[in-house]
N, C-alpha and C. Protein backbone atom coordinates (compact mmCIF):
# COMPACT_ATOMS: atom_id res chain seq x y z
N MET A 1 -15.40 27.19 4.59
CA MET A 1 -16.53 26.53 3.71
C MET A 1 -15.75 25.47 2.74
N ARG A 2 -14.46 25.65 2.49
CA ARG A 2 -13.52 24.79 1.68
C ARG A 2 -13.49 23.32 2.57
N ARG A 3 -13.30 23.56 3.71
CA ARG A 3 -13.01 22.40 4.65
C ARG A 3 -14.27 21.31 4.61
N ARG A 4 -15.63 22.19 4.80
CA ARG A 4 -16.69 21.47 4.68
C ARG A 4 -17.09 20.90 3.53
N GLN A 5 -16.74 21.51 2.40
CA GLN A 5 -16.77 21.10 1.07
C GLN A 5 -15.89 19.56 0.90
N THR A 6 -14.64 19.83 1.48
CA THR A 6 -13.62 18.59 1.29
C THR A 6 -14.30 17.41 1.96
N MET A 7 -14.82 17.69 3.27
CA MET A 7 -15.57 16.62 4.15
C MET A 7 -16.59 16.07 3.34
N VAL A 8 -17.39 16.55 2.70
CA VAL A 8 -18.74 16.03 2.04
C VAL A 8 -18.00 15.27 0.78
N VAL A 9 -16.80 15.67 0.11
CA VAL A 9 -16.31 14.78 -0.92
C VAL A 9 -15.91 13.62 -0.33
N LEU A 10 -15.06 13.78 0.92
CA LEU A 10 -14.67 12.58 1.56
C LEU A 10 -15.57 11.58 2.08
N ALA A 11 -16.71 12.17 2.67
CA ALA A 11 -17.88 11.38 3.18
C ALA A 11 -18.63 10.50 1.92
N LEU A 12 -18.67 11.21 0.80
CA LEU A 12 -19.17 10.61 -0.27
C LEU A 12 -18.18 9.23 -0.83
N ALA A 13 -16.85 9.42 -0.59
CA ALA A 13 -16.18 8.60 -1.10
C ALA A 13 -16.15 7.41 -0.15
N GLY A 14 -16.25 7.65 1.17
CA GLY A 14 -16.59 6.74 2.31
C GLY A 14 -17.67 6.00 2.09
N LEU A 15 -18.78 6.52 1.65
CA LEU A 15 -20.15 5.91 1.62
C LEU A 15 -20.13 4.95 0.43
N LEU A 16 -19.30 5.31 -0.54
CA LEU A 16 -19.28 4.19 -1.65
C LEU A 16 -18.58 3.19 -1.21
N VAL A 17 -17.42 3.27 -0.56
CA VAL A 17 -16.36 2.23 -0.12
C VAL A 17 -17.26 1.41 0.81
N ALA A 18 -18.01 1.94 1.75
CA ALA A 18 -18.78 1.10 2.85
C ALA A 18 -20.02 0.42 2.17
N THR A 19 -20.60 1.23 1.12
CA THR A 19 -21.69 0.28 0.53
C THR A 19 -21.12 -0.74 -0.30
N TYR A 20 -20.16 -0.66 -0.96
CA TYR A 20 -19.49 -1.59 -1.59
C TYR A 20 -19.19 -3.13 -0.57
N LEU A 21 -18.73 -2.63 0.60
CA LEU A 21 -18.49 -3.94 1.51
C LEU A 21 -19.72 -4.47 2.03
N TRP A 22 -20.60 -3.54 2.21
CA TRP A 22 -21.93 -4.01 2.65
C TRP A 22 -22.65 -4.73 1.72
N LEU A 23 -22.56 -4.41 0.42
CA LEU A 23 -23.20 -5.26 -0.92
C LEU A 23 -22.54 -6.56 -0.70
N TYR A 24 -21.32 -6.63 -0.48
CA TYR A 24 -20.57 -8.08 -0.51
C TYR A 24 -21.10 -8.84 0.64
N LYS A 25 -21.18 -8.26 1.84
CA LYS A 25 -21.47 -8.91 3.17
C LYS A 25 -22.87 -9.23 2.96
N ILE A 26 -24.01 -8.68 2.22
CA ILE A 26 -25.18 -9.35 2.27
C ILE A 26 -25.38 -10.03 1.12
N GLY A 27 -24.25 -10.39 0.15
CA GLY A 27 -24.49 -11.30 -0.92
C GLY A 27 -24.93 -10.86 -2.18
N VAL A 28 -24.76 -9.73 -2.40
CA VAL A 28 -25.27 -9.02 -3.81
C VAL A 28 -24.11 -9.21 -4.55
N ILE A 29 -22.70 -8.78 -4.10
CA ILE A 29 -21.64 -9.00 -4.72
C ILE A 29 -20.78 -10.15 -4.54
N GLY A 30 -20.56 -11.00 -5.44
CA GLY A 30 -19.94 -12.45 -5.28
C GLY A 30 -18.45 -12.35 -4.76
N VAL A 31 -17.70 -11.60 -5.16
CA VAL A 31 -16.19 -11.47 -4.94
C VAL A 31 -15.66 -10.16 -4.86
N LEU A 32 -15.00 -9.93 -3.49
CA LEU A 32 -14.49 -8.64 -3.41
C LEU A 32 -13.31 -8.41 -4.30
N GLN A 33 -12.92 -7.37 -4.78
CA GLN A 33 -11.90 -6.83 -5.77
C GLN A 33 -10.95 -6.42 -4.59
N CYS A 34 -10.07 -7.26 -4.08
CA CYS A 34 -9.15 -6.90 -3.10
C CYS A 34 -7.64 -7.13 -3.45
N GLY A 35 -7.40 -8.28 -4.09
CA GLY A 35 -5.92 -8.79 -4.53
C GLY A 35 -5.04 -9.55 -3.54
N THR A 36 -5.47 -9.15 -2.20
CA THR A 36 -4.66 -10.07 -1.15
C THR A 36 -5.58 -11.23 -0.66
N GLY A 37 -6.61 -11.09 -0.61
CA GLY A 37 -7.25 -12.26 -0.05
C GLY A 37 -7.75 -11.73 1.26
N GLY A 38 -7.14 -10.78 1.95
CA GLY A 38 -7.62 -10.14 3.43
C GLY A 38 -8.91 -9.80 3.47
N CYS A 39 -9.29 -9.24 2.44
CA CYS A 39 -10.79 -8.53 2.53
C CYS A 39 -11.82 -9.69 2.93
N GLU A 40 -11.68 -10.93 2.11
CA GLU A 40 -12.58 -11.89 2.39
C GLU A 40 -12.36 -12.57 3.83
N ALA A 41 -11.04 -12.55 4.38
CA ALA A 41 -11.01 -13.18 5.65
C ALA A 41 -11.45 -12.09 6.58
N VAL A 42 -11.30 -10.89 6.70
CA VAL A 42 -11.88 -10.03 7.42
C VAL A 42 -13.66 -9.85 7.47
N GLN A 43 -14.02 -9.81 6.16
CA GLN A 43 -15.45 -9.83 6.13
C GLN A 43 -16.21 -11.15 6.61
N ALA A 44 -15.52 -12.36 6.55
CA ALA A 44 -16.11 -13.51 7.07
C ALA A 44 -15.78 -13.76 8.62
N SER A 45 -14.96 -12.89 9.19
CA SER A 45 -14.75 -12.97 10.48
C SER A 45 -16.12 -12.79 11.49
N ARG A 46 -15.85 -13.17 12.46
CA ARG A 46 -17.06 -12.73 13.47
C ARG A 46 -17.28 -11.28 13.95
N TYR A 47 -15.94 -10.45 13.57
CA TYR A 47 -16.01 -9.15 13.94
C TYR A 47 -16.65 -8.32 12.60
N ALA A 48 -17.18 -9.01 11.85
CA ALA A 48 -17.54 -8.08 10.93
C ALA A 48 -19.16 -7.84 11.09
N GLU A 49 -19.52 -8.40 12.20
CA GLU A 49 -21.05 -7.93 12.50
C GLU A 49 -20.84 -7.35 13.97
N LEU A 50 -21.69 -6.43 14.24
CA LEU A 50 -21.87 -5.55 15.66
C LEU A 50 -23.18 -5.73 16.03
N LEU A 51 -23.59 -6.73 16.97
CA LEU A 51 -24.82 -6.89 17.59
C LEU A 51 -25.72 -7.40 16.32
N GLY A 52 -25.44 -8.18 15.53
CA GLY A 52 -25.92 -8.69 14.27
C GLY A 52 -26.14 -7.93 13.20
N VAL A 53 -25.63 -6.72 13.24
CA VAL A 53 -25.65 -5.68 12.09
C VAL A 53 -23.92 -5.88 11.52
N PRO A 54 -24.19 -5.98 10.06
CA PRO A 54 -22.66 -5.91 9.56
C PRO A 54 -22.24 -4.32 9.63
N VAL A 55 -20.75 -4.65 10.30
CA VAL A 55 -19.85 -3.33 10.32
C VAL A 55 -20.07 -2.64 9.06
N ALA A 56 -19.99 -2.93 7.94
CA ALA A 56 -20.05 -2.16 6.71
C ALA A 56 -21.29 -1.41 6.65
N PHE A 57 -22.29 -1.86 7.13
CA PHE A 57 -23.67 -1.08 7.16
C PHE A 57 -23.49 0.06 8.19
N VAL A 58 -22.80 -0.02 9.46
CA VAL A 58 -22.42 0.87 10.34
C VAL A 58 -21.70 1.98 9.53
N GLY A 59 -20.82 1.48 8.75
CA GLY A 59 -20.10 2.45 7.82
C GLY A 59 -20.90 3.43 7.09
N VAL A 60 -21.91 2.60 6.33
CA VAL A 60 -22.71 3.17 5.55
C VAL A 60 -23.60 4.17 6.19
N ALA A 61 -24.01 4.03 7.46
CA ALA A 61 -24.88 4.80 8.21
C ALA A 61 -24.13 6.15 8.70
N GLY A 62 -22.75 5.73 9.14
CA GLY A 62 -22.14 6.93 9.56
C GLY A 62 -21.56 7.68 8.37
N TYR A 63 -21.11 7.29 7.39
CA TYR A 63 -20.81 8.25 6.26
C TYR A 63 -21.93 8.78 5.76
N ALA A 64 -23.33 8.25 5.66
CA ALA A 64 -24.39 9.08 5.08
C ALA A 64 -24.77 10.18 6.14
N ALA A 65 -24.60 9.82 7.64
CA ALA A 65 -24.57 11.18 8.50
C ALA A 65 -23.67 12.19 8.19
N LEU A 66 -22.39 11.80 8.01
CA LEU A 66 -21.56 12.76 7.85
C LEU A 66 -21.82 13.68 6.51
N LEU A 67 -22.07 12.89 5.53
CA LEU A 67 -22.54 13.43 4.17
C LEU A 67 -23.57 14.41 4.24
N GLY A 68 -24.56 14.07 5.05
CA GLY A 68 -25.99 14.84 5.26
C GLY A 68 -25.57 15.96 6.07
N VAL A 69 -24.87 15.94 7.12
CA VAL A 69 -24.52 17.13 8.04
C VAL A 69 -23.76 18.12 7.20
N GLY A 70 -22.70 17.35 6.45
CA GLY A 70 -21.99 18.13 5.69
C GLY A 70 -22.53 19.11 4.59
N LEU A 71 -23.52 18.38 3.96
CA LEU A 71 -24.30 19.03 2.89
C LEU A 71 -25.12 20.18 3.53
N VAL A 72 -25.48 20.00 4.54
CA VAL A 72 -26.38 21.04 5.35
C VAL A 72 -25.16 22.34 5.69
N GLY A 73 -24.28 21.79 6.13
CA GLY A 73 -23.16 22.79 6.29
C GLY A 73 -22.61 23.59 5.40
N VAL A 74 -22.62 23.19 4.15
CA VAL A 74 -22.23 24.12 3.07
C VAL A 74 -23.19 25.00 2.75
N GLN A 75 -24.47 25.08 3.06
CA GLN A 75 -25.48 25.80 2.71
C GLN A 75 -25.05 27.31 3.19
N PRO A 76 -25.40 28.32 2.64
CA PRO A 76 -24.93 29.74 3.01
C PRO A 76 -25.63 29.86 4.46
N ALA A 77 -26.89 29.72 4.79
CA ALA A 77 -27.45 29.86 5.99
C ALA A 77 -26.95 29.17 7.26
N PHE A 78 -26.02 27.91 6.96
CA PHE A 78 -25.37 27.34 8.11
C PHE A 78 -23.99 27.42 7.93
N ALA A 79 -23.28 28.17 7.11
CA ALA A 79 -21.89 28.42 6.79
C ALA A 79 -21.10 28.59 8.15
N ALA A 80 -21.80 29.61 8.79
CA ALA A 80 -20.90 29.76 10.16
C ALA A 80 -21.87 29.21 11.38
N ASP A 81 -22.45 28.47 11.30
CA ASP A 81 -23.23 27.73 12.38
C ASP A 81 -22.02 26.86 13.21
N ARG A 82 -21.72 27.15 14.36
CA ARG A 82 -20.97 26.46 15.30
C ARG A 82 -21.52 24.91 15.56
N ARG A 83 -22.93 24.92 15.59
CA ARG A 83 -23.50 23.58 15.78
C ARG A 83 -23.14 22.51 14.61
N VAL A 84 -23.03 22.97 13.45
CA VAL A 84 -22.89 22.15 12.41
C VAL A 84 -21.40 21.55 12.56
N THR A 85 -20.54 22.48 13.09
CA THR A 85 -19.18 22.31 13.40
C THR A 85 -19.05 21.27 14.49
N LEU A 86 -19.73 21.35 15.25
CA LEU A 86 -19.51 20.52 16.63
C LEU A 86 -20.18 19.17 16.09
N LEU A 87 -21.36 19.09 15.50
CA LEU A 87 -22.01 17.78 15.05
C LEU A 87 -20.89 17.05 14.15
N LEU A 88 -20.33 17.67 13.08
CA LEU A 88 -19.38 17.10 12.16
C LEU A 88 -18.08 16.45 13.12
N ALA A 89 -17.88 17.42 14.14
CA ALA A 89 -16.50 16.91 14.87
C ALA A 89 -16.81 15.51 15.59
N ALA A 90 -18.16 15.72 16.26
CA ALA A 90 -18.61 14.42 17.20
C ALA A 90 -18.72 13.14 16.28
N LEU A 91 -19.38 13.45 15.01
CA LEU A 91 -19.39 12.19 14.09
C LEU A 91 -18.16 11.61 13.82
N ALA A 92 -17.24 12.43 13.37
CA ALA A 92 -16.13 12.28 12.95
C ALA A 92 -15.09 11.57 13.98
N THR A 93 -15.26 12.08 15.33
CA THR A 93 -14.65 11.44 16.05
C THR A 93 -14.98 9.91 16.50
N VAL A 94 -16.54 9.65 16.53
CA VAL A 94 -16.89 8.44 16.71
C VAL A 94 -16.43 7.53 15.48
N GLY A 95 -16.42 7.90 14.28
CA GLY A 95 -15.96 7.07 13.19
C GLY A 95 -14.57 6.77 13.22
N PHE A 96 -13.78 7.86 13.66
CA PHE A 96 -12.19 7.65 13.74
C PHE A 96 -12.05 6.53 14.91
N ALA A 97 -12.82 6.61 15.99
CA ALA A 97 -12.57 5.75 17.21
C ALA A 97 -12.85 4.50 16.82
N PHE A 98 -13.94 4.04 15.89
CA PHE A 98 -14.64 2.98 15.57
C PHE A 98 -13.40 2.28 14.49
N ALA A 99 -12.96 3.15 13.59
CA ALA A 99 -12.16 2.79 12.76
C ALA A 99 -10.59 2.08 13.37
N LEU A 100 -10.40 2.87 14.40
CA LEU A 100 -9.03 2.48 15.08
C LEU A 100 -9.11 1.05 15.64
N TYR A 101 -10.67 0.92 16.27
CA TYR A 101 -10.92 -0.43 16.85
C TYR A 101 -10.97 -1.62 15.77
N LEU A 102 -11.38 -1.29 14.81
CA LEU A 102 -11.43 -2.29 13.84
C LEU A 102 -10.31 -2.50 13.03
N THR A 103 -9.22 -1.64 12.98
CA THR A 103 -8.01 -1.76 12.34
C THR A 103 -7.05 -2.53 13.43
N ALA A 104 -7.31 -2.48 14.67
CA ALA A 104 -6.65 -3.06 15.69
C ALA A 104 -7.11 -4.39 15.63
N ILE A 105 -8.19 -4.82 15.39
CA ILE A 105 -8.70 -6.11 15.21
C ILE A 105 -8.20 -6.83 14.08
N GLU A 106 -8.10 -6.06 13.04
CA GLU A 106 -7.35 -6.53 11.68
C GLU A 106 -5.90 -6.94 12.32
N LEU A 107 -5.24 -6.26 12.52
CA LEU A 107 -3.86 -6.47 13.00
C LEU A 107 -3.47 -7.29 13.89
N PHE A 108 -4.12 -7.06 15.00
CA PHE A 108 -3.58 -7.95 16.16
C PHE A 108 -4.44 -9.08 16.46
N VAL A 109 -5.62 -9.50 16.13
CA VAL A 109 -6.67 -10.36 16.28
C VAL A 109 -6.61 -11.32 14.95
N LEU A 110 -7.12 -10.76 13.90
CA LEU A 110 -7.18 -11.38 12.66
C LEU A 110 -5.72 -11.75 11.70
N HIS A 111 -5.08 -10.66 11.85
CA HIS A 111 -3.67 -10.90 11.17
C HIS A 111 -4.09 -10.80 9.84
N ALA A 112 -5.11 -10.11 9.32
CA ALA A 112 -5.36 -10.02 7.93
C ALA A 112 -5.77 -8.60 7.85
N MET A 113 -5.63 -8.04 6.52
CA MET A 113 -5.79 -6.56 6.32
C MET A 113 -6.70 -6.47 4.96
N CYS A 114 -7.76 -5.71 5.25
CA CYS A 114 -8.84 -5.39 4.11
C CYS A 114 -8.22 -4.27 3.42
N ARG A 115 -7.94 -4.16 2.28
CA ARG A 115 -7.37 -2.80 1.69
C ARG A 115 -8.53 -1.91 1.66
N TRP A 116 -9.90 -2.25 1.28
CA TRP A 116 -10.92 -1.36 1.42
C TRP A 116 -11.13 -0.93 2.82
N CYS A 117 -10.80 -1.55 3.71
CA CYS A 117 -10.97 -1.02 5.32
C CYS A 117 -9.94 -0.14 5.50
N VAL A 118 -8.90 -0.34 4.86
CA VAL A 118 -7.73 0.69 5.20
C VAL A 118 -7.92 1.90 4.28
N VAL A 119 -8.64 1.84 3.07
CA VAL A 119 -8.91 3.07 2.50
C VAL A 119 -9.94 3.69 3.46
N SER A 120 -11.07 3.13 3.80
CA SER A 120 -12.10 3.60 4.63
C SER A 120 -11.37 4.30 5.91
N ALA A 121 -10.51 3.57 6.56
CA ALA A 121 -9.83 4.12 7.82
C ALA A 121 -9.09 5.32 7.47
N ALA A 122 -8.75 5.49 6.33
CA ALA A 122 -7.81 6.74 5.92
C ALA A 122 -8.66 7.67 5.44
N ILE A 123 -10.01 7.49 4.77
CA ILE A 123 -11.11 8.37 4.57
C ILE A 123 -11.51 9.18 5.92
N ILE A 124 -11.90 8.37 7.02
CA ILE A 124 -12.43 8.76 8.01
C ILE A 124 -11.40 9.67 8.88
N THR A 125 -10.07 9.23 8.81
CA THR A 125 -8.90 9.96 9.66
C THR A 125 -8.87 11.48 9.19
N ALA A 126 -9.08 11.34 7.67
CA ALA A 126 -8.94 12.87 7.01
C ALA A 126 -9.86 13.79 7.47
N ILE A 127 -11.17 12.92 7.49
CA ILE A 127 -12.55 13.92 7.82
C ILE A 127 -12.48 14.22 9.30
N TRP A 128 -11.87 13.16 10.07
CA TRP A 128 -11.80 13.63 11.51
C TRP A 128 -10.62 15.03 11.66
N VAL A 129 -9.59 14.89 11.07
CA VAL A 129 -8.37 15.89 11.01
C VAL A 129 -9.04 17.08 10.47
N LEU A 130 -9.92 17.13 9.39
CA LEU A 130 -10.50 18.25 9.13
C LEU A 130 -11.63 18.84 9.95
N ALA A 131 -12.36 18.21 10.65
CA ALA A 131 -13.27 18.35 11.67
C ALA A 131 -12.82 18.87 12.89
N LEU A 132 -11.43 18.51 13.28
CA LEU A 132 -11.05 19.03 14.35
C LEU A 132 -10.42 20.54 14.08
N ASP A 133 -9.94 20.61 12.90
CA ASP A 133 -9.39 21.88 12.22
C ASP A 133 -10.36 22.74 12.34
N GLY A 134 -11.84 22.26 11.89
CA GLY A 134 -12.81 23.10 11.79
C GLY A 134 -13.39 23.70 13.24
N LEU A 135 -12.99 22.93 14.16
CA LEU A 135 -13.42 23.28 15.46
C LEU A 135 -12.30 24.35 16.12
N ARG A 136 -11.07 24.17 15.66
CA ARG A 136 -10.03 25.10 16.02
C ARG A 136 -10.25 26.34 15.40
N HIS A 137 -10.85 26.54 14.19
CA HIS A 137 -10.87 27.65 13.58
C HIS A 137 -12.53 28.29 13.59
N ALA A 138 -13.17 27.53 14.33
CA ALA A 138 -14.66 28.16 14.53
C ALA A 138 -14.81 29.07 15.30
N PRO A 139 -15.61 30.30 15.15
CA PRO A 139 -16.00 31.39 15.98
C PRO A 139 -16.43 30.82 17.38
N ALA A 140 -16.11 31.50 18.41
CA ALA A 140 -16.46 31.29 19.80
C ALA A 140 -18.09 31.23 19.81
N ALA A 141 -18.50 30.49 20.65
CA ALA A 141 -19.96 30.73 20.97
C ALA A 141 -20.09 31.85 21.70
N PRO A 142 -21.53 32.43 21.23
CA PRO A 142 -21.84 33.76 22.12
C PRO A 142 -22.03 33.52 23.53
N ASN A 143 -21.70 34.45 23.94
CA ASN A 143 -22.15 34.51 25.63
C ASN A 143 -23.35 34.78 25.88
N ARG A 144 -23.98 34.41 26.78
CA ARG A 144 -25.50 34.24 27.19
C ARG A 144 -25.73 34.87 28.38
């Protein structure tokens, strides 16, 4: 239960970071508080959109999904439900892979790092590790 609670808190933090970056991308926030200038360079690049959708919004959707599934998973009725564990692990794996891709773009293509993106990558990595640990400790599926 603690693992899922921690994942919920991390997903909420990730949702806040992604929302901040999305609000900047759509023009609601005028200047990113970054300190290095890398955030603006990353957000202005062609890689900041995926099929016309801001990457930050993809983060908002992903963290919202993790938060929703995590909140269901901390309910007593679903505390031991292996399906929740599997869904959390699947969502976290997709998020982690996407973060790896974006971090590689920042490092090797753009040569600019966004501190907020690094924070988001750290958050999704922590969620992924917790999700995999949850899989490892989850009860086996019943034989049918």
